[in-house]
Amino acid sequence: MAFDEDLEVRKPKPALKPLDDLSVDELQALIAEHETEIARIRAAITKKEAHRAAAASFFKTPS
């Protein structure tokens, strides 16, 4: 197995939406969608950090 096969393939970032064509209501809806996604991502980070802390605690050598 080649080293390159182990690397994660990164997707290119999507192009930014032009905001000039959106109404105020559409912009506010877009913000709400992004805030919901940010909250979901933060929850996933919190869960992963708790998992990592539990694993570190489990494998910690007693002093």
C-alpha atoms as a PDB file:
ATOM      1  CA  MET A   1       0.000   0.000   0.000  1.00  0.00           C
ATOM      2  CA  ALA A   2       1.443   3.332  -1.038  1.00  0.00           C
ATOM      3  CA  PHE A   3       1.694   6.223   1.377  1.00  0.00           C
ATOM      4  CA  ASP A   4      -0.523   8.379  -0.841  1.00  0.00           C
ATOM      5  CA  GLU A   5      -3.414   5.962  -0.385  1.00  0.00           C
ATOM      6  CA  ASP A   6      -3.446   6.667   3.358  1.00  0.00           C
ATOM      7  CA  LEU A   7      -3.915  10.402   2.937  1.00  0.00           C
ATOM      8  CA  GLU A   8      -7.369  11.835   3.352  1.00  0.00           C
ATOM      9  CA  VAL A   9      -8.737  13.366   0.178  1.00  0.00           C
ATOM     10  CA  ARG A  10      -9.787  16.922   0.890  1.00  0.00           C
ATOM     11  CA  LYS A  11     -12.718  18.360  -0.939  1.00  0.00           C
ATOM     12  CA  PRO A  12     -12.213  21.812  -2.404  1.00  0.00           C
ATOM     13  CA  LYS A  13     -14.060  24.552  -0.558  1.00  0.00           C
ATOM     14  CA  PRO A  14     -17.308  25.459  -2.289  1.00  0.00           C
ATOM     15  CA  ALA A  15     -17.421  28.797  -4.042  1.00  0.00           C
ATOM     16  CA  LEU A  16     -18.969  31.581  -2.012  1.00  0.00           C
ATOM     17  CA  LYS A  17     -22.525  32.531  -2.876  1.00  0.00           C
ATOM     18  CA  PRO A  18     -22.960  35.992  -4.335  1.00  0.00           C
ATOM     19  CA  LEU A  19     -24.910  37.886  -1.681  1.00  0.00           C
ATOM     20  CA  ASP A  20     -25.929  40.853  -3.805  1.00  0.00           C
ATOM     21  CA  ASP A  21     -28.854  38.975  -5.344  1.00  0.00           C
ATOM     22  CA  LEU A  22     -30.351  37.890  -1.996  1.00  0.00           C
ATOM     23  CA  SER A  23     -33.026  39.786  -0.110  1.00  0.00           C
ATOM     24  CA  VAL A  24     -32.707  40.719   3.559  1.00  0.00           C
ATOM     25  CA  ASP A  25     -35.040  37.837   4.478  1.00  0.00           C
ATOM     26  CA  GLU A  26     -32.955  35.394   2.445  1.00  0.00           C
ATOM     27  CA  LEU A  27     -29.769  36.666   4.075  1.00  0.00           C
ATOM     28  CA  GLN A  28     -31.286  36.258   7.539  1.00  0.00           C
ATOM     29  CA  ALA A  29     -32.392  32.729   6.650  1.00  0.00           C
ATOM     30  CA  LEU A  30     -28.873  31.966   5.429  1.00  0.00           C
ATOM     31  CA  ILE A  31     -27.426  33.215   8.718  1.00  0.00           C
ATOM     32  CA  ALA A  32     -29.877  31.036  10.663  1.00  0.00           C
ATOM     33  CA  GLU A  33     -28.849  27.980   8.607  1.00  0.00           C
ATOM     34  CA  HIS A  34     -25.173  28.659   9.255  1.00  0.00           C
ATOM     35  CA  GLU A  35     -25.747  29.229  12.981  1.00  0.00           C
ATOM     36  CA  THR A  36     -27.570  25.892  13.188  1.00  0.00           C
ATOM     37  CA  GLU A  37     -24.674  24.162  11.435  1.00  0.00           C
ATOM     38  CA  ILE A  38     -22.141  25.878  13.706  1.00  0.00           C
ATOM     39  CA  ALA A  39     -24.057  24.658  16.785  1.00  0.00           C
ATOM     40  CA  ARG A  40     -24.078  21.119  15.370  1.00  0.00           C
ATOM     41  CA  ILE A  41     -20.327  21.259  14.736  1.00  0.00           C
ATOM     42  CA  ARG A  42     -19.634  22.611  18.240  1.00  0.00           C
ATOM     43  CA  ALA A  43     -21.670  19.761  19.749  1.00  0.00           C
ATOM     44  CA  ALA A  44     -19.620  17.243  17.746  1.00  0.00           C
ATOM     45  CA  ILE A  45     -16.392  18.863  18.967  1.00  0.00           C
ATOM     46  CA  THR A  46     -17.587  18.710  22.591  1.00  0.00           C
ATOM     47  CA  LYS A  47     -18.476  15.041  22.188  1.00  0.00           C
ATOM     48  CA  LYS A  48     -15.101  14.212  20.635  1.00  0.00           C
ATOM     49  CA  GLU A  49     -13.218  16.126  23.334  1.00  0.00           C
ATOM     50  CA  ALA A  50     -15.108  14.229  26.046  1.00  0.00           C
ATOM     51  CA  HIS A  51     -14.310  10.951  24.318  1.00  0.00           C
ATOM     52  CA  ARG A  52     -10.642  11.879  24.046  1.00  0.00           C
ATOM     53  CA  ALA A  53     -10.507  12.925  27.725  1.00  0.00           C
ATOM     54  CA  ALA A  54     -12.117   9.644  28.783  1.00  0.00           C
ATOM     55  CA  ALA A  55      -9.612   7.667  26.738  1.00  0.00           C
ATOM     56  CA  ALA A  56      -6.698   9.682  28.141  1.00  0.00           C
ATOM     57  CA  SER A  57      -7.995   9.117  31.668  1.00  0.00           C
ATOM     58  CA  PHE A  58      -8.331   5.389  31.039  1.00  0.00           C
ATOM     59  CA  PHE A  59      -4.771   5.023  29.787  1.00  0.00           C
ATOM     60  CA  LYS A  60      -3.218   7.387  32.340  1.00  0.00           C
ATOM     61  CA  THR A  61      -0.563   5.653  34.446  1.00  0.00           C
ATOM     62  CA  PRO A  62      -0.996   5.991  38.202  1.00  0.00           C
ATOM     63  CA  SER A  63       1.633   8.153  39.873  1.00  0.00           C
END
